[in-house]
C-alpha cells in the first residue's frame, strides 16, 4: 500500500455500485483516484473535499491501471480542534456529582455551586445563602441542564 499527501478534490460522483453504495473519483496532487466499490469511504469522502489529507491507496490492473483509495485522513490545519468548553465540562461533572449525592441535597448543592463558580461569567444572587435547598437545587439543575 502506498501513501500520498496533498489537497483532495472530489472530481465526480460515479453511479452507485451494484449494492447501492456511493463511489467517487477524486484528485490529489494531479493524480486521479477512485473510491473502492462497496467500501465505507464512499460515504465520507466528500468530507475531505478541498482539505489537506494523507491517503493510502492501491493500484489495481483491470483493463488499465487504477489507483484505488483505501483510507483518507485529515492532516495539518484541517484537523478539527476539540472545543474547550469549560461550562459544558463543569456541567457534566456537576451532573455526575449530583447523581452520587442524590440523598444529600445540601452537599450536592454546595458542590454544584462550587463547580459552577469556576466558570467565568456565572454569578449567584446575593441572597443565595437564604434560599431553601429545594430552590437552590432547582436553579442549579436548570443551569446544568442548559449545558448538557
N, C-alpha and C. Protein backbone atom coordinates (compact mmCIF):
# COMPACT_ATOMS: atom_id res chain seq x y z
N UNK A 1 0.84 -1.17 0.00
CA UNK A 1 0.00 0.00 0.00
C UNK A 1 0.89 1.24 0.00
N UNK A 2 0.50 2.23 -0.80
CA UNK A 2 1.27 3.47 -0.91
C UNK A 2 0.49 4.61 -0.27
N UNK A 3 1.21 5.71 0.00
CA UNK A 3 0.57 6.89 0.58
C UNK A 3 0.88 8.11 -0.26
N UNK A 4 -0.04 9.07 -0.20
CA UNK A 4 0.14 10.35 -0.88
C UNK A 4 -0.43 11.43 0.03
N UNK A 5 0.24 12.59 0.02
CA UNK A 5 -0.21 13.73 0.82
C UNK A 5 -0.51 14.89 -0.12
N UNK A 6 -1.62 15.57 0.12
CA UNK A 6 -1.98 16.73 -0.70
C UNK A 6 -3.41 17.15 -0.48
N UNK A 7 -3.87 18.09 -1.28
CA UNK A 7 -5.25 18.58 -1.21
C UNK A 7 -6.13 17.65 -2.03
N UNK A 8 -7.16 17.12 -1.40
CA UNK A 8 -8.09 16.22 -2.09
C UNK A 8 -9.22 17.04 -2.70
N UNK A 9 -9.52 16.79 -3.95
CA UNK A 9 -10.65 17.43 -4.63
C UNK A 9 -11.53 16.35 -5.22
N UNK A 10 -12.83 16.44 -4.90
CA UNK A 10 -13.78 15.50 -5.49
C UNK A 10 -14.02 15.94 -6.93
N UNK A 11 -13.79 15.02 -7.87
CA UNK A 11 -13.94 15.33 -9.29
C UNK A 11 -15.36 15.03 -9.75
N UNK A 12 -15.82 13.80 -9.47
CA UNK A 12 -17.19 13.46 -9.86
C UNK A 12 -17.69 12.27 -9.05
N UNK A 13 -19.00 12.15 -9.05
CA UNK A 13 -19.64 11.01 -8.40
C UNK A 13 -20.02 10.02 -9.49
N UNK A 14 -19.64 8.76 -9.25
CA UNK A 14 -19.99 7.69 -10.18
C UNK A 14 -21.40 7.19 -9.85
N UNK A 15 -22.01 6.46 -10.79
CA UNK A 15 -23.28 5.79 -10.44
C UNK A 15 -23.05 4.87 -9.23
N UNK A 16 -24.10 4.63 -8.48
CA UNK A 16 -24.00 3.77 -7.31
C UNK A 16 -23.51 2.38 -7.70
N UNK A 17 -22.83 1.73 -6.77
CA UNK A 17 -22.38 0.36 -7.03
C UNK A 17 -23.58 -0.57 -7.13
N UNK A 18 -23.36 -1.81 -7.50
CA UNK A 18 -24.47 -2.77 -7.62
C UNK A 18 -25.15 -2.98 -6.27
N UNK A 19 -24.43 -2.73 -5.19
CA UNK A 19 -25.00 -2.88 -3.84
C UNK A 19 -25.64 -1.57 -3.36
N UNK A 20 -25.58 -0.53 -4.18
CA UNK A 20 -26.22 0.75 -3.84
C UNK A 20 -25.33 1.71 -3.06
N UNK A 21 -24.03 1.48 -3.05
CA UNK A 21 -23.11 2.34 -2.30
C UNK A 21 -22.49 3.41 -3.20
N UNK A 22 -22.22 4.60 -2.63
CA UNK A 22 -21.65 5.68 -3.43
C UNK A 22 -20.19 5.43 -3.80
N UNK A 23 -19.80 5.93 -4.98
CA UNK A 23 -18.41 5.85 -5.45
C UNK A 23 -18.04 7.19 -6.04
N UNK A 24 -16.78 7.57 -5.85
CA UNK A 24 -16.32 8.88 -6.31
C UNK A 24 -14.99 8.78 -7.02
N UNK A 25 -14.77 9.78 -7.87
CA UNK A 25 -13.45 9.99 -8.45
C UNK A 25 -12.91 11.26 -7.79
N UNK A 26 -11.66 11.19 -7.30
CA UNK A 26 -11.05 12.34 -6.63
C UNK A 26 -9.66 12.58 -7.20
N UNK A 27 -9.15 13.76 -6.92
CA UNK A 27 -7.82 14.12 -7.38
C UNK A 27 -6.99 14.58 -6.19
N UNK A 28 -5.76 14.07 -6.11
CA UNK A 28 -4.79 14.51 -5.11
C UNK A 28 -3.48 14.71 -5.85
N UNK A 29 -2.91 15.92 -5.79
CA UNK A 29 -1.65 16.23 -6.48
C UNK A 29 -1.67 15.82 -7.95
N UNK A 30 -2.72 16.16 -8.64
CA UNK A 30 -2.88 15.88 -10.08
C UNK A 30 -2.94 14.40 -10.42
N UNK A 31 -3.12 13.54 -9.44
CA UNK A 31 -3.34 12.11 -9.71
C UNK A 31 -4.81 11.81 -9.47
N UNK A 32 -5.37 10.98 -10.31
CA UNK A 32 -6.79 10.62 -10.23
C UNK A 32 -6.93 9.30 -9.49
N UNK A 33 -7.83 9.27 -8.51
CA UNK A 33 -8.11 8.08 -7.71
C UNK A 33 -9.61 7.81 -7.75
N UNK A 34 -9.96 6.58 -7.42
CA UNK A 34 -11.37 6.21 -7.25
C UNK A 34 -11.53 5.61 -5.86
N UNK A 35 -12.74 5.79 -5.33
CA UNK A 35 -13.04 5.07 -4.08
C UNK A 35 -13.40 3.65 -4.45
N UNK A 36 -13.11 2.75 -3.57
CA UNK A 36 -13.36 1.33 -3.80
C UNK A 36 -14.87 1.06 -3.80
N UNK A 37 -15.31 0.15 -4.65
CA UNK A 37 -16.73 -0.24 -4.67
C UNK A 37 -17.12 -0.87 -3.34
N UNK A 38 -18.30 -0.51 -2.87
CA UNK A 38 -18.88 -1.09 -1.65
C UNK A 38 -17.99 -0.92 -0.42
N UNK A 39 -17.27 0.19 -0.36
CA UNK A 39 -16.44 0.50 0.80
C UNK A 39 -17.03 1.72 1.52
N UNK A 40 -16.85 1.79 2.81
CA UNK A 40 -17.43 2.88 3.60
C UNK A 40 -16.83 4.24 3.25
N UNK A 41 -15.65 4.26 2.67
CA UNK A 41 -15.01 5.53 2.29
C UNK A 41 -15.88 6.33 1.33
N UNK A 42 -16.67 5.66 0.52
CA UNK A 42 -17.55 6.36 -0.40
C UNK A 42 -18.56 7.26 0.30
N UNK A 43 -18.91 6.93 1.53
CA UNK A 43 -19.86 7.73 2.29
C UNK A 43 -19.22 8.97 2.91
N UNK A 44 -17.91 8.93 3.18
CA UNK A 44 -17.28 10.05 3.88
C UNK A 44 -16.33 10.88 3.03
N UNK A 45 -16.06 10.46 1.81
CA UNK A 45 -15.04 11.13 1.00
C UNK A 45 -15.35 12.60 0.77
N UNK A 46 -16.61 12.97 0.67
CA UNK A 46 -16.95 14.38 0.43
C UNK A 46 -16.59 15.26 1.62
N UNK A 47 -16.42 14.68 2.81
CA UNK A 47 -15.99 15.46 3.98
C UNK A 47 -14.56 15.96 3.83
N UNK A 48 -13.79 15.35 2.93
CA UNK A 48 -12.39 15.70 2.75
C UNK A 48 -12.16 16.65 1.57
N UNK A 49 -13.23 17.03 0.88
CA UNK A 49 -13.10 17.87 -0.31
C UNK A 49 -12.42 19.20 0.03
N UNK A 50 -11.39 19.55 -0.75
CA UNK A 50 -10.61 20.78 -0.58
C UNK A 50 -9.87 20.84 0.76
N UNK A 51 -9.50 19.70 1.30
CA UNK A 51 -8.76 19.64 2.56
C UNK A 51 -7.45 18.91 2.35
N UNK A 52 -6.46 19.24 3.20
CA UNK A 52 -5.16 18.57 3.13
C UNK A 52 -5.28 17.21 3.82
N UNK A 53 -4.88 16.18 3.08
CA UNK A 53 -5.06 14.81 3.57
C UNK A 53 -3.80 13.98 3.33
N UNK A 54 -3.74 12.86 4.04
CA UNK A 54 -2.81 11.79 3.70
C UNK A 54 -3.70 10.61 3.34
N UNK A 55 -3.47 10.05 2.17
CA UNK A 55 -4.34 8.99 1.67
C UNK A 55 -3.52 7.74 1.37
N UNK A 56 -4.09 6.59 1.72
CA UNK A 56 -3.49 5.30 1.38
C UNK A 56 -4.22 4.78 0.15
N UNK A 57 -3.43 4.22 -0.78
CA UNK A 57 -4.06 3.72 -1.99
C UNK A 57 -3.35 2.47 -2.49
N UNK A 58 -4.06 1.75 -3.36
CA UNK A 58 -3.53 0.55 -4.02
C UNK A 58 -3.70 0.72 -5.52
N UNK A 59 -2.89 0.05 -6.26
CA UNK A 59 -3.01 0.06 -7.72
C UNK A 59 -3.62 -1.26 -8.16
N UNK A 60 -4.71 -1.17 -8.91
CA UNK A 60 -5.35 -2.36 -9.47
C UNK A 60 -5.17 -2.33 -10.98
N UNK A 61 -4.86 -3.45 -11.56
CA UNK A 61 -4.70 -3.54 -13.00
C UNK A 61 -5.89 -4.27 -13.61
N UNK A 62 -6.89 -3.51 -14.00
CA UNK A 62 -8.01 -4.08 -14.74
C UNK A 62 -7.64 -3.96 -16.21
N UNK A 63 -8.46 -3.33 -17.01
CA UNK A 63 -8.12 -3.09 -18.41
C UNK A 63 -6.97 -2.08 -18.49
N UNK A 64 -6.97 -1.16 -17.57
CA UNK A 64 -5.85 -0.22 -17.42
C UNK A 64 -5.65 0.01 -15.92
N UNK A 65 -4.47 0.37 -15.48
CA UNK A 65 -4.21 0.54 -14.04
C UNK A 65 -5.12 1.62 -13.42
N UNK A 66 -5.63 1.32 -12.23
CA UNK A 66 -6.46 2.26 -11.50
C UNK A 66 -5.87 2.46 -10.10
N UNK A 67 -5.91 3.68 -9.63
CA UNK A 67 -5.49 3.98 -8.27
C UNK A 67 -6.74 4.01 -7.40
N UNK A 68 -6.81 3.11 -6.44
CA UNK A 68 -7.99 2.96 -5.59
C UNK A 68 -7.67 3.41 -4.17
N UNK A 69 -8.42 4.39 -3.67
CA UNK A 69 -8.22 4.88 -2.30
C UNK A 69 -8.70 3.84 -1.31
N UNK A 70 -7.91 3.63 -0.28
CA UNK A 70 -8.26 2.68 0.77
C UNK A 70 -8.61 3.42 2.06
N UNK A 71 -7.86 4.51 2.34
CA UNK A 71 -8.07 5.26 3.58
C UNK A 71 -7.66 6.70 3.36
N UNK A 72 -8.36 7.63 4.02
CA UNK A 72 -8.04 9.05 3.94
C UNK A 72 -8.13 9.65 5.33
N UNK A 73 -7.12 10.46 5.69
CA UNK A 73 -7.11 11.14 7.00
C UNK A 73 -6.73 12.60 6.81
N UNK A 74 -7.36 13.47 7.60
CA UNK A 74 -7.02 14.89 7.57
C UNK A 74 -5.67 15.10 8.23
N UNK A 75 -4.94 16.12 7.76
CA UNK A 75 -3.68 16.48 8.40
C UNK A 75 -3.58 18.00 8.53
N UNK A 76 -2.68 18.45 9.35
CA UNK A 76 -2.41 19.88 9.49
C UNK A 76 -3.56 20.67 10.05
N UNK A 77 -3.76 21.86 9.49
CA UNK A 77 -4.78 22.79 10.00
C UNK A 77 -6.20 22.30 9.75
N UNK A 78 -6.38 21.32 8.88
CA UNK A 78 -7.72 20.84 8.58
C UNK A 78 -8.27 19.87 9.62
N UNK A 79 -7.43 19.44 10.57
CA UNK A 79 -7.90 18.55 11.62
C UNK A 79 -8.76 19.37 12.58
N UNK A 80 -10.00 18.97 12.81
CA UNK A 80 -10.84 19.74 13.74
C UNK A 80 -10.23 19.73 15.14
N UNK A 81 -10.21 20.90 15.74
CA UNK A 81 -9.67 21.02 17.10
C UNK A 81 -10.80 20.79 18.10
N UNK A 82 -10.53 20.05 19.18
CA UNK A 82 -11.58 19.87 20.17
C UNK A 82 -11.96 21.20 20.81
N UNK A 83 -13.23 21.36 21.03
CA UNK A 83 -13.72 22.60 21.61
C UNK A 83 -13.45 22.62 23.11
N UNK A 84 -12.89 23.71 23.59
CA UNK A 84 -12.67 23.86 25.02
C UNK A 84 -13.85 24.61 25.59
N UNK A 85 -14.78 23.88 26.15
CA UNK A 85 -15.99 24.48 26.69
C UNK A 85 -16.06 24.18 28.18
N UNK A 86 -15.54 25.10 28.97
CA UNK A 86 -15.47 24.86 30.41
C UNK A 86 -16.87 24.70 31.02
N UNK A 87 -17.82 25.47 30.54
CA UNK A 87 -19.18 25.38 31.09
C UNK A 87 -19.78 24.00 30.87
N UNK A 88 -19.57 23.44 29.69
CA UNK A 88 -20.10 22.11 29.41
C UNK A 88 -19.40 21.06 30.28
N UNK A 89 -18.09 21.18 30.42
CA UNK A 89 -17.33 20.23 31.24
C UNK A 89 -17.78 20.31 32.70
N UNK A 90 -17.90 21.52 33.21
CA UNK A 90 -18.35 21.71 34.59
C UNK A 90 -19.76 21.17 34.77
N UNK A 91 -20.60 21.37 33.78
CA UNK A 91 -21.98 20.87 33.88
C UNK A 91 -22.03 19.35 33.93
N UNK A 92 -21.17 18.69 33.14
CA UNK A 92 -21.16 17.22 33.17
C UNK A 92 -20.64 16.70 34.51
N UNK A 93 -19.58 17.31 35.02
CA UNK A 93 -19.04 16.90 36.32
C UNK A 93 -20.07 17.15 37.41
N UNK A 94 -20.71 18.29 37.34
CA UNK A 94 -21.72 18.64 38.33
C UNK A 94 -22.91 17.68 38.30
N UNK A 95 -23.34 17.31 37.11
CA UNK A 95 -24.46 16.38 36.97
C UNK A 95 -24.10 15.01 37.54
N UNK A 96 -22.87 14.55 37.29
CA UNK A 96 -22.44 13.25 37.84
C UNK A 96 -22.36 13.33 39.37
N UNK A 97 -21.84 14.43 39.88
CA UNK A 97 -21.74 14.59 41.33
C UNK A 97 -23.13 14.62 41.95
N UNK A 98 -24.08 15.24 41.27
CA UNK A 98 -25.46 15.30 41.75
C UNK A 98 -26.05 13.90 41.87
N UNK A 99 -25.72 13.02 40.94
CA UNK A 99 -26.20 11.63 41.00
C UNK A 99 -25.59 10.91 42.19
N UNK A 100 -24.29 11.14 42.41
CA UNK A 100 -23.61 10.47 43.53
C UNK A 100 -24.12 10.95 44.89
N UNK A 101 -24.56 12.20 44.96
CA UNK A 101 -25.04 12.76 46.23
C UNK A 101 -26.55 12.91 46.26
N UNK A 102 -27.25 12.07 45.57
CA UNK A 102 -28.70 12.21 45.44
C UNK A 102 -29.42 12.23 46.78
N UNK A 103 -28.88 11.57 47.78
CA UNK A 103 -29.54 11.51 49.09
C UNK A 103 -29.27 12.74 49.96
N UNK A 104 -28.28 13.53 49.60
CA UNK A 104 -27.88 14.68 50.42
C UNK A 104 -27.90 15.95 49.57
N UNK A 105 -29.07 16.61 49.52
CA UNK A 105 -29.25 17.79 48.67
C UNK A 105 -28.33 18.93 49.09
N UNK A 106 -28.12 19.11 50.39
CA UNK A 106 -27.29 20.22 50.85
C UNK A 106 -25.86 20.09 50.33
N UNK A 107 -25.29 18.89 50.43
CA UNK A 107 -23.92 18.65 49.94
C UNK A 107 -23.88 18.78 48.42
N UNK A 108 -24.87 18.22 47.77
CA UNK A 108 -24.94 18.30 46.32
C UNK A 108 -24.98 19.75 45.85
N UNK A 109 -25.84 20.56 46.48
CA UNK A 109 -25.96 21.97 46.12
C UNK A 109 -24.65 22.71 46.36
N UNK A 110 -24.03 22.42 47.49
CA UNK A 110 -22.77 23.08 47.86
C UNK A 110 -21.71 22.86 46.79
N UNK A 111 -21.55 21.60 46.35
CA UNK A 111 -20.51 21.30 45.37
C UNK A 111 -20.89 21.72 43.96
N UNK A 112 -22.16 21.62 43.62
CA UNK A 112 -22.58 22.10 42.30
C UNK A 112 -22.30 23.60 42.18
N UNK A 113 -22.60 24.35 43.23
CA UNK A 113 -22.31 25.79 43.22
C UNK A 113 -20.81 26.02 43.11
N UNK A 114 -20.03 25.25 43.85
CA UNK A 114 -18.58 25.39 43.81
C UNK A 114 -18.05 25.13 42.38
N UNK A 115 -18.58 24.09 41.72
CA UNK A 115 -18.16 23.79 40.35
C UNK A 115 -18.52 24.94 39.41
N UNK A 116 -19.77 25.41 39.50
CA UNK A 116 -20.22 26.46 38.59
C UNK A 116 -19.54 27.81 38.87
N UNK A 117 -19.10 28.03 40.10
CA UNK A 117 -18.37 29.26 40.44
C UNK A 117 -17.05 29.38 39.67
N UNK A 118 -16.52 28.28 39.17
CA UNK A 118 -15.24 28.32 38.44
C UNK A 118 -15.39 28.83 37.02
N UNK A 119 -16.63 28.95 36.54
CA UNK A 119 -16.88 29.38 35.17
C UNK A 119 -17.03 30.89 35.13
N UNK A 120 -16.20 31.51 34.29
CA UNK A 120 -16.25 32.96 34.16
C UNK A 120 -17.61 33.39 33.61
N UNK A 121 -18.19 34.40 34.23
CA UNK A 121 -19.48 34.93 33.76
C UNK A 121 -20.69 34.40 34.51
N UNK A 122 -20.51 33.36 35.34
CA UNK A 122 -21.63 32.85 36.14
C UNK A 122 -21.58 33.51 37.51
N UNK A 123 -22.68 34.13 37.87
CA UNK A 123 -22.78 34.81 39.16
C UNK A 123 -24.00 34.29 39.90
N UNK A 124 -23.89 34.23 41.19
CA UNK A 124 -25.01 33.79 42.03
C UNK A 124 -25.58 35.01 42.74
N UNK A 125 -26.90 35.01 43.01
CA UNK A 125 -27.50 36.18 43.66
C UNK A 125 -26.96 36.38 45.08
N UNK A 126 -27.03 37.61 45.54
CA UNK A 126 -26.53 37.94 46.88
C UNK A 126 -27.26 37.18 47.97
N UNK A 127 -28.53 36.87 47.75
CA UNK A 127 -29.32 36.17 48.78
C UNK A 127 -29.27 34.64 48.60
N UNK A 128 -28.26 34.13 47.90
CA UNK A 128 -28.16 32.69 47.62
C UNK A 128 -28.23 31.86 48.90
N UNK A 129 -27.50 32.27 49.92
CA UNK A 129 -27.46 31.50 51.18
C UNK A 129 -28.80 31.48 51.89
N UNK A 130 -29.69 32.41 51.58
CA UNK A 130 -31.01 32.47 52.22
C UNK A 130 -32.06 31.61 51.51
N UNK A 131 -31.73 31.12 50.31
CA UNK A 131 -32.68 30.29 49.57
C UNK A 131 -32.77 28.91 50.20
N UNK A 132 -33.92 28.27 50.02
CA UNK A 132 -34.08 26.89 50.52
C UNK A 132 -33.24 25.95 49.66
N UNK A 133 -32.92 24.78 50.22
CA UNK A 133 -32.13 23.79 49.47
C UNK A 133 -32.88 23.33 48.23
N UNK A 134 -34.21 23.26 48.32
CA UNK A 134 -35.03 22.85 47.17
C UNK A 134 -34.91 23.88 46.05
N UNK A 135 -34.99 25.17 46.41
CA UNK A 135 -34.87 26.23 45.40
C UNK A 135 -33.46 26.27 44.80
N UNK A 136 -32.44 26.10 45.64
CA UNK A 136 -31.06 26.04 45.14
C UNK A 136 -30.91 24.89 44.14
N UNK A 137 -31.43 23.72 44.52
CA UNK A 137 -31.32 22.54 43.65
C UNK A 137 -32.01 22.78 42.32
N UNK A 138 -33.18 23.42 42.37
CA UNK A 138 -33.93 23.71 41.15
C UNK A 138 -33.13 24.61 40.21
N UNK A 139 -32.54 25.65 40.76
CA UNK A 139 -31.77 26.60 39.95
C UNK A 139 -30.48 25.97 39.41
N UNK A 140 -29.80 25.24 40.26
CA UNK A 140 -28.56 24.59 39.84
C UNK A 140 -28.83 23.55 38.75
N UNK A 141 -29.88 22.77 38.94
CA UNK A 141 -30.24 21.75 37.94
C UNK A 141 -30.56 22.39 36.59
N UNK A 142 -31.23 23.52 36.60
CA UNK A 142 -31.54 24.22 35.34
C UNK A 142 -30.27 24.73 34.67
N UNK A 143 -29.34 25.27 35.46
CA UNK A 143 -28.07 25.77 34.90
C UNK A 143 -27.27 24.63 34.27
N UNK A 144 -27.28 23.49 34.93
CA UNK A 144 -26.54 22.33 34.42
C UNK A 144 -27.21 21.76 33.18
N UNK A 145 -28.55 21.66 33.21
CA UNK A 145 -29.30 21.08 32.08
C UNK A 145 -29.10 21.85 30.78
N UNK A 146 -29.01 23.16 30.87
CA UNK A 146 -28.84 24.01 29.68
C UNK A 146 -27.58 23.63 28.93
N UNK A 147 -26.57 23.15 29.63
CA UNK A 147 -25.27 22.91 29.01
C UNK A 147 -24.96 21.45 28.73
N UNK A 148 -25.88 20.56 28.98
CA UNK A 148 -25.63 19.15 28.70
C UNK A 148 -26.13 18.77 27.33
